[in-house]
Amino acid sequence: MAYDYSSLVQTTKRWAKQALAAGWINTDAAQHLIDVNARSPETLFNHNGSRPLIVAFMGGTGVGKSSLLNRLAGKAIARAGVERPTSREVTLYHHHSVAIKHLPEQLPLAQIKTAEHDNESRKHVIWIDMPDFDSTEQSNKHQVLEWLPHIDVLIYVVSPERYRDEKAWRLLLAEGGRHAWLFVLNQWDRGLTEQYEDFKQQLHKAGFADPVIFKTACAEGLQADEFAALESTISSLATEHIVAQLEQRSSRIKKDELKQNLQNTGRLLGSRAAFQQLPELWQDQWQRSTQVLQQGFAWPIQQLARHYADHAADLLSNPAAGKYAATGAKLNLWDDWAEARFDDALDEFVSNADQLGIPVSPLKKQLSALRDKAPKIVQAQSELAARQALANPGNALHRGFLKSMRLCEIILPLAAICWVGYQVFIGYYTSNMSEVAYLGVDFAIHSSLLIAITWLTPFFILKKLKPSLEKSALRGLNKGLNNAINMIDGEVLLVIENIVNQHAEQIKQLDGIIELCGVADADQQSSIDSNSPLARMLID
């Protein structure tokens, strides 16, 4: 299905604006796409169905463009002088049936001179006399550039003295493929055959295999020239079929140019392979930075562990007070040094990504949030791990052993008391039956010692093997720091994943527009017979 060029331009501009806002392309690249010209001859006037062929005289100062238009009209409708006149205005010469009530905004009707005629043979042609392109007045050049997209056929007028004009020649080379061209060597009464051949050779170098050149002389009383042939050629082009072919060819060329611009812009987005290297690139960078951070955190962690141990009771019974005590001591792990090292890591990662040809603005924008988030992650994880370590000091084996000692501290004395009670009862019963003396002093001493030993031994072990709060806090802080480092790593990897997905989406949208350019060309392309007169007027 064909896709209208103006729609492609609007789609391109929308993409360029959002890509610029997101930082995927720079201002110059975006502006280059935003400035793409969607104007064409068919957009110049409102028309239903077929439209006139739009033909313009273009050339340098004093070559006789206005004189040619006046000769065509049979009266003076365009200003022309004697000694190197300068055309400063645009003149439109058209049939009265062509209603010109308004023009595009950049072509104000108030600044354009119009003239009408009643010649039915010229009904399907609009003639335009353009300002001198080589004038020192910038407004002349601006007017020419504004009108060029609306022209079907450009009649490039030169004189024997000025057929090598550099400014107009550069314009021809820039605009060559977008229009059909006819060439007029005016003031031929002062020209030489060598000049004609030289001019023809220049056109051949510019891409015209067999250019159509007319020799004219606008001075009165001179011999007949080829002006009639020029007018006849223009009339032969003013058909619906030729106009449609010119429209299709112009559309195809502009779509090719748009496609090339989009492809060039696509290279600025970086390759998929480069984006796939980002996770590994960050992992290498973060591994080096982590080693530096852990070394730098060694002393602050020890100081903070000692502080947490001293305030363990407050920290566990009143978390708010514990937190205030910790912050009041200004013993936070994340200080200016850690902030600087983390910023260095991110900056170096962004710099390495830039060297891979990756647009770094989106990466910088999303990583900037982590610069503020990282200290909070480290603070939260280290404090949480420290609380958990202080709430459950020691390792699992140590805590299991102490738990068993606490049970022994209760069970062993009770068992000893029961055993002593049992011995007292048995001794008393035996003494009544056998008249043997009752339990003596030795038994009392030994039983008391047994009860004391069974209670004091677990109590002593619990006392001596009580876990160190400082070591527990240190272990918790180290664990919290490792968790924080892993979380920061995960946050950066998540940013990278988002960037990779966003890049893929940008490439998908761009490739979609490029594909539409190709589809439209395939649907609309209409070949022009190489033997037709029109083929001689085109640059392939």
Protein backbone atom coordinates (compact mmCIF):
# COMPACT_ATOMS: atom_id res chain seq x y z
CA MET A 1 0.00 0.00 0.00
CA ALA A 2 1.36 3.43 -0.97
CA TYR A 3 2.14 5.80 1.89
CA ASP A 4 1.75 9.52 1.21
CA TYR A 5 5.02 11.45 1.38
CA SER A 6 3.54 14.22 3.53
CA SER A 7 2.37 11.58 6.02
CA LEU A 8 5.86 10.11 6.08
CA VAL A 9 7.27 13.56 6.80
CA GLN A 10 4.83 14.14 9.67
CA THR A 11 5.61 10.72 11.12
CA THR A 12 9.33 11.46 10.81
CA LYS A 13 8.96 14.79 12.58
CA ARG A 14 7.01 13.23 15.45
CA TRP A 15 9.65 10.57 15.86
CA ALA A 16 12.48 13.13 15.73
CA LYS A 17 10.86 15.31 18.40
CA GLN A 18 10.31 12.46 20.85
CA ALA A 19 13.78 11.03 20.16
CA LEU A 20 15.29 14.45 20.85
CA ALA A 21 13.28 14.84 24.07
CA ALA A 22 14.44 11.41 25.23
CA GLY A 23 18.06 12.21 24.36
CA TRP A 24 18.50 9.57 21.65
CA ILE A 25 19.56 12.10 19.02
CA ASN A 26 21.15 15.53 19.28
CA THR A 27 19.58 18.83 18.31
CA ASP A 28 21.30 19.01 14.93
CA ALA A 29 20.14 15.55 13.89
CA ALA A 30 16.59 16.20 15.08
CA GLN A 31 16.42 19.57 13.37
CA HIS A 32 17.66 18.00 10.14
CA LEU A 33 14.64 15.69 10.19
CA ILE A 34 12.20 18.31 11.47
CA ASP A 35 13.21 20.60 8.61
CA VAL A 36 12.41 17.99 5.97
CA ASN A 37 10.38 19.70 3.27
CA ALA A 38 6.97 18.19 2.61
CA ARG A 39 6.06 20.77 -0.02
CA SER A 40 5.47 19.75 -3.63
CA PRO A 41 3.96 21.23 -6.80
CA GLU A 42 0.56 19.67 -6.12
CA THR A 43 0.39 21.46 -2.74
CA LEU A 44 0.88 24.92 -4.25
CA PHE A 45 -2.71 25.53 -5.33
CA ASN A 46 -6.04 24.02 -4.46
CA HIS A 47 -7.20 21.92 -7.37
CA ASN A 48 -9.63 19.12 -8.07
CA GLY A 49 -8.21 16.27 -10.11
CA SER A 50 -5.71 17.45 -12.71
CA ARG A 51 -3.54 20.49 -12.07
CA PRO A 52 -1.42 22.82 -14.22
CA LEU A 53 2.21 22.15 -14.99
CA ILE A 54 4.33 24.59 -12.99
CA VAL A 55 7.29 25.95 -14.94
CA ALA A 56 9.84 28.47 -13.65
CA PHE A 57 12.58 30.54 -15.29
CA MET A 58 15.70 30.46 -13.12
CA GLY A 59 19.11 32.00 -13.62
CA GLY A 60 21.58 34.69 -12.68
CA THR A 61 21.45 38.43 -12.98
CA GLY A 62 21.12 39.86 -16.47
CA VAL A 63 20.61 36.62 -18.42
CA GLY A 64 17.14 37.67 -19.66
CA LYS A 65 14.68 35.56 -17.67
CA SER A 66 12.11 38.36 -17.44
CA SER A 67 12.51 39.16 -21.13
CA LEU A 68 11.68 35.55 -22.00
CA LEU A 69 8.50 35.65 -19.90
CA ASN A 70 7.51 38.98 -21.45
CA ARG A 71 8.09 37.50 -24.91
CA LEU A 72 5.93 34.56 -23.99
CA ALA A 73 3.13 36.85 -22.78
CA GLY A 74 3.48 39.25 -25.68
CA LYS A 75 3.61 42.17 -23.25
CA ALA A 76 5.67 43.46 -20.34
CA ILE A 77 4.48 41.56 -17.29
CA ALA A 78 7.87 41.08 -15.61
CA ARG A 79 10.29 43.89 -14.90
CA ALA A 80 13.24 43.91 -17.28
CA GLY A 81 15.93 46.50 -17.85
CA VAL A 82 18.79 47.19 -20.18
CA GLU A 83 22.00 47.15 -18.19
CA ARG A 84 22.17 44.04 -16.04
CA PRO A 85 18.73 44.32 -14.43
CA THR A 86 18.06 42.61 -11.11
CA SER A 87 14.80 40.68 -10.57
CA ARG A 88 13.70 41.02 -6.95
CA GLU A 89 10.16 39.65 -7.15
CA VAL A 90 8.32 36.54 -8.24
CA THR A 91 5.97 36.91 -11.20
CA LEU A 92 3.18 34.38 -11.88
CA TYR A 93 1.68 34.19 -15.38
CA HIS A 94 -1.35 31.91 -15.63
CA HIS A 95 -4.70 31.31 -17.26
CA HIS A 96 -7.60 33.22 -15.74
CA SER A 97 -9.36 29.94 -14.89
CA VAL A 98 -6.65 29.11 -12.35
CA ALA A 99 -7.84 30.67 -9.12
CA ILE A 100 -5.03 31.93 -6.93
CA LYS A 101 -6.73 33.10 -3.76
CA HIS A 102 -4.04 32.08 -1.33
CA LEU A 103 -0.60 30.50 -1.21
CA PRO A 104 1.31 28.69 1.57
CA GLU A 105 2.35 30.84 4.53
CA GLN A 106 5.97 31.06 3.43
CA LEU A 107 4.86 32.42 0.03
CA PRO A 108 2.73 35.49 0.86
CA LEU A 109 0.51 36.47 -2.05
CA ALA A 110 1.02 40.17 -1.27
CA GLN A 111 4.69 39.90 -2.26
CA ILE A 112 4.03 38.17 -5.59
CA LYS A 113 3.13 39.80 -8.88
CA THR A 114 0.47 37.95 -10.90
CA ALA A 115 -0.66 38.30 -14.52
CA GLU A 116 -3.48 36.44 -16.28
CA HIS A 117 -4.13 35.49 -19.91
CA ASP A 118 -6.94 33.99 -22.01
CA ASN A 119 -4.87 31.73 -24.27
CA GLU A 120 -6.52 28.29 -24.09
CA SER A 121 -3.39 26.61 -25.49
CA ARG A 122 -1.49 27.70 -22.40
CA LYS A 123 -4.29 26.90 -19.97
CA HIS A 124 -2.49 23.98 -18.35
CA VAL A 125 0.79 25.80 -17.63
CA ILE A 126 1.69 28.24 -14.87
CA TRP A 127 4.77 30.28 -15.71
CA ILE A 128 6.94 31.73 -12.95
CA ASP A 129 9.73 34.26 -13.22
CA MET A 130 12.11 33.70 -10.29
CA PRO A 131 14.35 36.35 -8.63
CA ASP A 132 18.03 36.37 -9.52
CA PHE A 133 19.63 33.61 -7.49
CA ASP A 134 23.11 35.14 -7.57
CA SER A 135 21.95 38.50 -6.22
CA THR A 136 23.69 39.92 -3.18
CA GLU A 137 20.27 40.32 -1.57
CA GLN A 138 19.59 37.35 0.71
CA SER A 139 15.84 37.80 0.26
CA ASN A 140 16.21 36.81 -3.40
CA LYS A 141 17.93 33.57 -2.54
CA HIS A 142 15.38 32.88 0.18
CA GLN A 143 12.49 33.35 -2.25
CA VAL A 144 14.05 30.99 -4.78
CA LEU A 145 14.63 28.28 -2.16
CA GLU A 146 11.05 28.62 -0.90
CA TRP A 147 9.58 28.27 -4.39
CA LEU A 148 11.77 25.41 -5.65
CA PRO A 149 9.79 22.54 -4.00
CA HIS A 150 6.67 23.71 -5.86
CA ILE A 151 8.24 23.62 -9.35
CA ASP A 152 7.78 20.82 -11.91
CA VAL A 153 10.05 22.08 -14.68
CA LEU A 154 12.95 24.47 -14.22
CA ILE A 155 14.12 26.44 -17.24
CA TYR A 156 17.74 27.25 -16.49
CA VAL A 157 18.56 30.45 -18.38
CA VAL A 158 22.17 31.47 -19.08
CA SER A 159 23.90 33.91 -21.39
CA PRO A 160 27.12 33.48 -23.37
CA GLU A 161 28.91 35.65 -20.82
CA ARG A 162 27.42 33.97 -17.74
CA TYR A 163 26.85 30.30 -18.51
CA ARG A 164 29.55 29.34 -16.02
CA ASP A 165 27.87 31.13 -13.09
CA GLU A 166 29.06 29.32 -9.96
CA LYS A 167 26.16 30.10 -7.59
CA ALA A 168 23.44 29.04 -10.00
CA TRP A 169 25.52 26.02 -10.97
CA ARG A 170 25.75 24.86 -7.35
CA LEU A 171 21.97 25.13 -7.12
CA LEU A 172 21.60 23.03 -10.25
CA LEU A 173 23.82 20.31 -8.80
CA ALA A 174 21.90 20.37 -5.50
CA GLU A 175 18.43 20.33 -7.07
CA GLY A 176 19.25 18.38 -10.21
CA GLY A 177 17.41 15.15 -9.43
CA ARG A 178 14.26 16.74 -8.06
CA HIS A 179 12.99 18.50 -11.20
CA ALA A 180 12.77 18.25 -14.95
CA TRP A 181 15.22 20.66 -16.57
CA LEU A 182 15.26 22.65 -19.78
CA PHE A 183 18.17 24.91 -20.65
CA VAL A 184 18.11 28.20 -22.52
CA LEU A 185 21.23 29.86 -23.87
CA ASN A 186 19.74 33.33 -24.17
CA GLN A 187 21.22 36.33 -25.99
CA TRP A 188 22.49 33.86 -28.56
CA ASP A 189 23.05 36.71 -31.01
CA ARG A 190 26.19 37.41 -28.95
CA GLY A 191 27.15 33.75 -28.51
CA LEU A 192 29.63 31.41 -30.14
CA THR A 193 29.36 27.75 -31.05
CA GLU A 194 32.31 27.01 -28.75
CA GLN A 195 30.37 28.44 -25.82
CA TYR A 196 27.35 26.29 -26.66
CA GLU A 197 29.50 23.15 -26.80
CA ASP A 198 31.24 24.05 -23.56
CA PHE A 199 27.89 24.61 -21.82
CA LYS A 200 26.62 21.29 -23.13
CA GLN A 201 29.74 19.56 -21.84
CA GLN A 202 29.16 21.04 -18.37
CA LEU A 203 25.62 19.72 -18.34
CA HIS A 204 26.87 16.33 -19.37
CA LYS A 205 29.22 16.32 -16.35
CA ALA A 206 26.29 17.32 -14.13
CA GLY A 207 24.40 14.17 -15.15
CA PHE A 208 22.45 15.10 -18.28
CA ALA A 209 23.34 12.58 -20.98
CA ASP A 210 21.63 14.59 -23.73
CA PRO A 211 20.41 17.92 -22.31
CA VAL A 212 17.66 19.88 -24.06
CA ILE A 213 19.15 23.29 -24.86
CA PHE A 214 17.38 26.11 -26.68
CA LYS A 215 19.19 29.07 -28.21
CA THR A 216 17.14 32.27 -27.94
CA ALA A 217 17.60 35.98 -28.57
CA CYS A 218 15.09 38.41 -27.11
CA ALA A 219 16.37 41.54 -28.83
CA GLU A 220 14.02 42.95 -31.47
CA GLY A 221 14.74 42.64 -35.17
CA LEU A 222 17.00 39.59 -34.90
CA GLN A 223 16.68 36.38 -36.83
CA ALA A 224 14.39 33.60 -35.71
CA ASP A 225 15.58 31.48 -32.80
CA GLU A 226 14.36 28.41 -30.93
CA PHE A 227 11.89 30.17 -28.61
CA ALA A 228 8.93 28.59 -30.40
CA ALA A 229 10.47 25.15 -29.88
CA LEU A 230 10.82 25.92 -26.16
CA GLU A 231 7.18 26.90 -25.90
CA SER A 232 6.12 23.85 -27.87
CA THR A 233 8.15 21.55 -25.60
CA ILE A 234 6.53 23.00 -22.50
CA SER A 235 3.07 22.55 -24.05
CA SER A 236 3.86 18.90 -24.78
CA LEU A 237 4.70 18.37 -21.11
CA ALA A 238 1.44 19.90 -19.85
CA THR A 239 -0.56 16.67 -19.85
CA GLU A 240 -2.04 14.73 -16.96
CA HIS A 241 0.19 11.76 -17.74
CA ILE A 242 3.43 13.78 -17.73
CA VAL A 243 2.40 15.71 -14.61
CA ALA A 244 1.60 12.42 -12.85
CA GLN A 245 4.97 10.99 -13.88
CA LEU A 246 6.77 14.07 -12.56
CA GLU A 247 4.85 13.88 -9.29
CA GLN A 248 5.65 10.20 -8.84
CA ARG A 249 9.30 10.70 -9.69
CA SER A 250 9.61 13.69 -7.37
CA SER A 251 7.90 11.71 -4.59
CA ARG A 252 10.22 8.76 -5.13
CA ILE A 253 13.32 10.95 -5.03
CA LYS A 254 12.19 12.75 -1.89
CA LYS A 255 11.36 9.45 -0.22
CA ASP A 256 14.79 8.14 -1.14
CA GLU A 257 16.35 11.24 0.39
CA LEU A 258 14.18 10.87 3.49
CA LYS A 259 15.12 7.21 3.72
CA GLN A 260 18.81 8.09 3.49
CA ASN A 261 18.42 10.76 6.19
CA LEU A 262 16.65 8.28 8.45
CA GLN A 263 19.33 5.66 7.88
CA ASN A 264 22.04 8.20 8.71
CA THR A 265 20.14 9.15 11.86
CA GLY A 266 19.80 5.47 12.75
CA ARG A 267 23.58 5.20 12.88
CA LEU A 268 23.58 7.84 15.63
CA LEU A 269 21.45 5.55 17.81
CA GLY A 270 24.22 2.97 18.11
CA SER A 271 24.19 -0.70 17.20
CA ARG A 272 22.30 -3.47 18.95
CA ALA A 273 25.60 -5.28 19.49
CA ALA A 274 26.99 -2.29 21.39
CA PHE A 275 23.95 -2.17 23.68
CA GLN A 276 24.27 -5.89 24.37
CA GLN A 277 27.75 -5.20 25.77
CA LEU A 278 26.45 -2.79 28.42
CA PRO A 279 25.69 -5.37 31.17
CA GLU A 280 29.15 -6.91 30.93
CA LEU A 281 30.72 -3.46 30.73
CA TRP A 282 28.96 -2.44 33.96
CA GLN A 283 29.78 -5.70 35.75
CA ASP A 284 33.50 -5.19 35.10
CA GLN A 285 33.31 -1.58 36.23
CA TRP A 286 31.26 -2.34 39.35
CA GLN A 287 33.53 -5.20 40.38
CA ARG A 288 36.52 -2.84 40.47
CA SER A 289 34.55 -0.13 42.23
CA THR A 290 33.18 -2.58 44.81
CA GLN A 291 36.68 -3.60 45.85
CA VAL A 292 37.61 0.04 46.40
CA LEU A 293 34.41 0.73 48.34
CA GLN A 294 34.78 -2.30 50.59
CA GLN A 295 38.34 -1.32 51.43
CA GLY A 296 37.25 2.19 52.22
CA PHE A 297 34.31 1.01 54.34
CA ALA A 298 36.49 -1.19 56.62
CA TRP A 299 37.21 1.48 59.24
CA PRO A 300 33.74 3.15 59.27
CA ILE A 301 32.12 -0.28 59.68
CA GLN A 302 34.24 -1.01 62.75
CA GLN A 303 33.36 2.33 64.31
CA LEU A 304 29.68 1.90 63.53
CA ALA A 305 29.68 -1.68 64.89
CA ARG A 306 31.13 -0.45 68.18
CA HIS A 307 28.53 2.28 68.33
CA TYR A 308 25.68 -0.15 67.63
CA ALA A 309 27.00 -2.49 70.35
CA ASP A 310 27.08 0.34 72.88
CA HIS A 311 23.50 1.33 72.03
CA ALA A 312 22.14 -2.16 71.43
CA ALA A 313 19.55 -1.91 74.21
CA ASP A 314 18.18 1.38 72.89
CA LEU A 315 18.32 0.17 69.30
CA LEU A 316 16.29 -2.96 70.01
CA SER A 317 13.85 -1.55 72.54
CA ASN A 318 13.33 1.84 70.87
CA PRO A 319 14.29 1.79 67.16
CA ALA A 320 13.68 5.53 66.75
CA ALA A 321 16.02 6.36 69.60
CA GLY A 322 18.61 3.93 68.32
CA LYS A 323 18.50 5.47 64.89
CA TYR A 324 18.82 8.93 66.40
CA ALA A 325 21.80 7.82 68.43
CA ALA A 326 23.46 6.35 65.35
CA THR A 327 22.88 9.39 63.21
CA GLY A 328 23.80 11.69 66.06
CA ALA A 329 27.22 10.09 66.17
CA LYS A 330 27.63 10.87 62.42
CA LEU A 331 28.86 7.37 61.77
CA ASN A 332 27.09 6.78 58.45
CA LEU A 333 28.78 4.44 56.04
CA TRP A 334 27.96 6.52 52.96
CA ASP A 335 30.05 9.65 53.22
CA ASP A 336 31.46 12.11 50.67
CA TRP A 337 34.27 9.72 49.80
CA ALA A 338 31.85 6.88 49.01
CA GLU A 339 29.66 9.30 47.03
CA ALA A 340 32.67 10.38 44.95
CA ARG A 341 33.73 6.77 44.26
CA PHE A 342 30.21 5.82 43.16
CA ASP A 343 29.94 8.86 40.91
CA ASP A 344 33.31 7.96 39.39
CA ALA A 345 32.05 4.45 38.67
CA LEU A 346 28.93 5.72 36.92
CA ASP A 347 30.85 8.38 35.00
CA GLU A 348 33.44 5.90 33.78
CA PHE A 349 30.69 3.48 32.75
CA VAL A 350 28.94 6.23 30.78
CA SER A 351 32.26 7.22 29.19
CA ASN A 352 32.92 3.62 28.12
CA ALA A 353 29.40 3.40 26.70
CA ASP A 354 30.04 6.58 24.73
CA GLN A 355 33.15 5.03 23.22
CA LEU A 356 30.96 2.18 21.93
CA GLY A 357 28.92 4.72 19.97
CA ILE A 358 25.94 4.58 22.32
CA PRO A 359 23.84 7.72 22.92
CA VAL A 360 24.58 8.42 26.58
CA SER A 361 21.94 11.06 27.34
CA PRO A 362 19.17 8.50 28.11
CA LEU A 363 21.67 6.49 30.17
CA LYS A 364 22.78 9.55 32.14
CA LYS A 365 19.19 10.60 32.75
CA GLN A 366 18.15 7.25 34.22
CA LEU A 367 21.36 6.72 36.18
CA SER A 368 21.10 10.15 37.79
CA ALA A 369 18.30 8.89 40.04
CA LEU A 370 20.63 6.19 41.42
CA ARG A 371 23.11 8.80 42.61
CA ASP A 372 20.56 9.85 45.23
CA LYS A 373 19.15 6.37 45.76
CA ALA A 374 22.44 4.56 46.48
CA PRO A 375 23.09 6.22 49.90
CA LYS A 376 19.58 5.32 51.02
CA ILE A 377 20.05 1.71 49.95
CA VAL A 378 23.33 1.38 51.85
CA GLN A 379 21.92 3.08 54.95
CA ALA A 380 18.74 1.00 54.98
CA GLN A 381 20.41 -2.35 54.32
CA SER A 382 23.28 -1.86 56.77
CA GLU A 383 20.93 -0.73 59.58
CA LEU A 384 18.49 -3.58 58.94
CA ALA A 385 21.25 -6.18 58.95
CA ALA A 386 22.76 -4.69 62.11
CA ARG A 387 19.40 -4.85 63.93
CA GLN A 388 18.90 -8.44 62.87
CA ALA A 389 22.42 -9.36 63.97
CA LEU A 390 21.96 -7.73 67.38
CA ALA A 391 18.58 -9.39 67.83
CA ASN A 392 20.15 -12.79 67.08
CA PRO A 393 23.85 -12.54 68.03
CA GLY A 394 26.27 -15.29 67.12
CA ASN A 395 25.92 -17.98 64.52
CA ALA A 396 23.28 -20.73 64.46
CA LEU A 397 25.52 -23.35 66.12
CA HIS A 398 26.51 -20.91 68.83
CA ARG A 399 22.91 -19.92 69.49
CA GLY A 400 21.86 -23.61 69.62
CA PHE A 401 24.56 -24.42 72.14
CA LEU A 402 23.61 -21.48 74.37
CA LYS A 403 19.98 -22.48 74.18
CA SER A 404 20.88 -25.95 75.40
CA MET A 405 22.91 -24.39 78.26
CA ARG A 406 19.87 -22.37 79.33
CA LEU A 407 17.88 -25.58 79.49
CA CYS A 408 20.66 -27.23 81.45
CA GLU A 409 20.69 -24.25 83.82
CA ILE A 410 17.14 -25.24 84.79
CA ILE A 411 17.07 -28.99 84.30
CA LEU A 412 20.36 -29.94 85.98
CA PRO A 413 19.68 -28.20 89.34
CA LEU A 414 16.15 -29.64 89.39
CA ALA A 415 17.53 -33.11 88.68
CA ALA A 416 20.10 -32.70 91.46
CA ILE A 417 17.42 -31.53 93.91
CA CYS A 418 15.23 -34.50 93.00
CA TRP A 419 18.12 -36.88 93.48
CA VAL A 420 18.97 -35.37 96.89
CA GLY A 421 15.30 -35.54 97.96
CA TYR A 422 15.12 -39.14 96.85
CA GLN A 423 18.26 -39.98 98.89
CA VAL A 424 16.84 -38.21 101.95
CA PHE A 425 13.60 -40.19 101.73
CA ILE A 426 15.38 -43.53 101.19
CA GLY A 427 17.86 -42.78 104.00
CA TYR A 428 15.10 -41.92 106.41
CA TYR A 429 13.15 -45.08 105.57
CA THR A 430 16.25 -47.30 105.85
CA SER A 431 17.26 -45.84 109.19
CA ASN A 432 13.86 -46.68 110.72
CA MET A 433 13.97 -50.27 109.52
CA SER A 434 17.60 -51.10 110.37
CA GLU A 435 18.26 -48.58 113.12
CA VAL A 436 21.23 -47.31 111.05
CA ALA A 437 22.21 -43.73 111.61
CA TYR A 438 20.36 -41.16 109.39
CA LEU A 439 22.16 -39.17 106.68
CA GLY A 440 25.14 -37.39 108.07
CA VAL A 441 26.95 -34.12 107.61
CA ASP A 442 28.96 -35.42 104.63
CA PHE A 443 25.79 -36.12 102.69
CA ALA A 444 24.46 -32.65 103.38
CA ILE A 445 27.66 -31.02 102.18
CA HIS A 446 27.95 -33.20 99.09
CA SER A 447 24.31 -32.77 98.11
CA SER A 448 24.60 -28.99 98.48
CA LEU A 449 27.74 -28.97 96.34
CA LEU A 450 26.01 -31.11 93.71
CA ILE A 451 23.06 -28.74 93.50
CA ALA A 452 25.37 -25.73 93.34
CA ILE A 453 27.57 -27.27 90.63
CA THR A 454 24.60 -28.23 88.43
CA TRP A 455 23.35 -24.66 88.57
CA LEU A 456 26.62 -22.75 88.42
CA THR A 457 28.18 -24.73 85.58
CA PRO A 458 25.56 -23.77 82.90
CA PHE A 459 25.42 -20.25 84.36
CA PHE A 460 29.20 -19.88 84.03
CA ILE A 461 29.21 -21.28 80.51
CA LEU A 462 26.42 -18.88 79.45
CA LYS A 463 28.30 -16.02 81.01
CA LYS A 464 31.61 -16.78 79.37
CA LEU A 465 30.27 -17.81 75.93
CA LYS A 466 27.89 -14.88 75.54
CA PRO A 467 28.25 -13.56 71.91
CA SER A 468 30.01 -10.25 71.38
CA LEU A 469 27.51 -7.57 70.35
CA GLU A 470 30.25 -5.67 68.57
CA LYS A 471 31.21 -8.68 66.49
CA SER A 472 27.58 -9.39 65.77
CA ALA A 473 26.99 -5.80 64.68
CA LEU A 474 30.16 -5.94 62.54
CA ARG A 475 28.99 -9.13 60.90
CA GLY A 476 25.55 -7.62 60.31
CA LEU A 477 26.97 -4.43 58.84
CA ASN A 478 29.19 -6.37 56.44
CA LYS A 479 26.22 -8.46 55.40
CA GLY A 480 24.10 -5.34 54.94
CA LEU A 481 26.83 -3.69 52.87
CA ASN A 482 27.07 -6.72 50.59
CA ASN A 483 23.29 -6.72 50.20
CA ALA A 484 23.36 -3.00 49.37
CA ILE A 485 26.13 -3.48 46.80
CA ASN A 486 24.14 -6.26 45.14
CA MET A 487 20.98 -4.15 45.18
CA ILE A 488 22.79 -1.18 43.58
CA ASP A 489 24.19 -3.54 40.98
CA GLY A 490 20.68 -4.82 40.31
CA GLU A 491 19.31 -1.28 40.02
CA VAL A 492 21.94 -0.36 37.42
CA LEU A 493 21.32 -3.58 35.50
CA LEU A 494 17.61 -2.75 35.53
CA VAL A 495 18.38 0.68 34.09
CA ILE A 496 20.53 -0.96 31.41
CA GLU A 497 17.73 -3.36 30.57
CA ASN A 498 15.32 -0.45 30.22
CA ILE A 499 17.79 1.41 28.01
CA VAL A 500 18.28 -1.64 25.79
CA ASN A 501 14.50 -2.06 25.45
CA GLN A 502 14.01 1.63 24.71
CA HIS A 503 16.76 1.52 22.10
CA ALA A 504 15.11 -1.48 20.46
CA GLU A 505 11.83 0.43 20.39
CA GLN A 506 13.47 3.48 18.82
CA ILE A 507 15.09 1.30 16.17
CA LYS A 508 11.78 -0.45 15.55
CA GLN A 509 9.98 2.85 15.00
CA LEU A 510 12.75 4.16 12.76
CA ASP A 511 12.90 0.96 10.72
CA GLY A 512 9.12 1.14 10.37
CA ILE A 513 9.33 4.60 8.78
CA ILE A 514 12.19 3.50 6.53
CA GLU A 515 10.19 0.46 5.46
CA LEU A 516 7.20 2.66 4.63
CA CYS A 517 9.45 4.73 2.37
CA GLY A 518 10.40 1.59 0.49
CA VAL A 519 6.84 0.26 0.26
CA ALA A 520 5.58 3.58 -1.06
CA ASP A 521 8.30 3.65 -3.70
CA ALA A 522 7.49 0.14 -4.88
CA ASP A 523 3.79 0.98 -5.19
CA GLN A 524 4.17 4.33 -6.91
CA GLN A 525 7.21 3.95 -9.10
CA SER A 526 6.35 4.57 -12.74
CA SER A 527 9.10 4.10 -15.28
CA ILE A 528 9.75 6.85 -17.83
CA ASP A 529 10.58 5.73 -21.33
CA SER A 530 14.27 6.40 -21.95
CA ASN A 531 13.47 7.47 -25.52
CA SER A 532 10.89 10.07 -24.49
CA PRO A 533 11.78 13.79 -24.49
CA LEU A 534 11.09 13.87 -20.77
CA ALA A 535 13.93 11.42 -20.10
CA ARG A 536 16.41 13.93 -21.56
CA MET A 537 15.27 16.48 -18.95
CA LEU A 538 15.95 14.28 -15.93
CA ILE A 539 18.99 13.23 -13.96
CA ASP A 540 18.93 9.62 -12.82
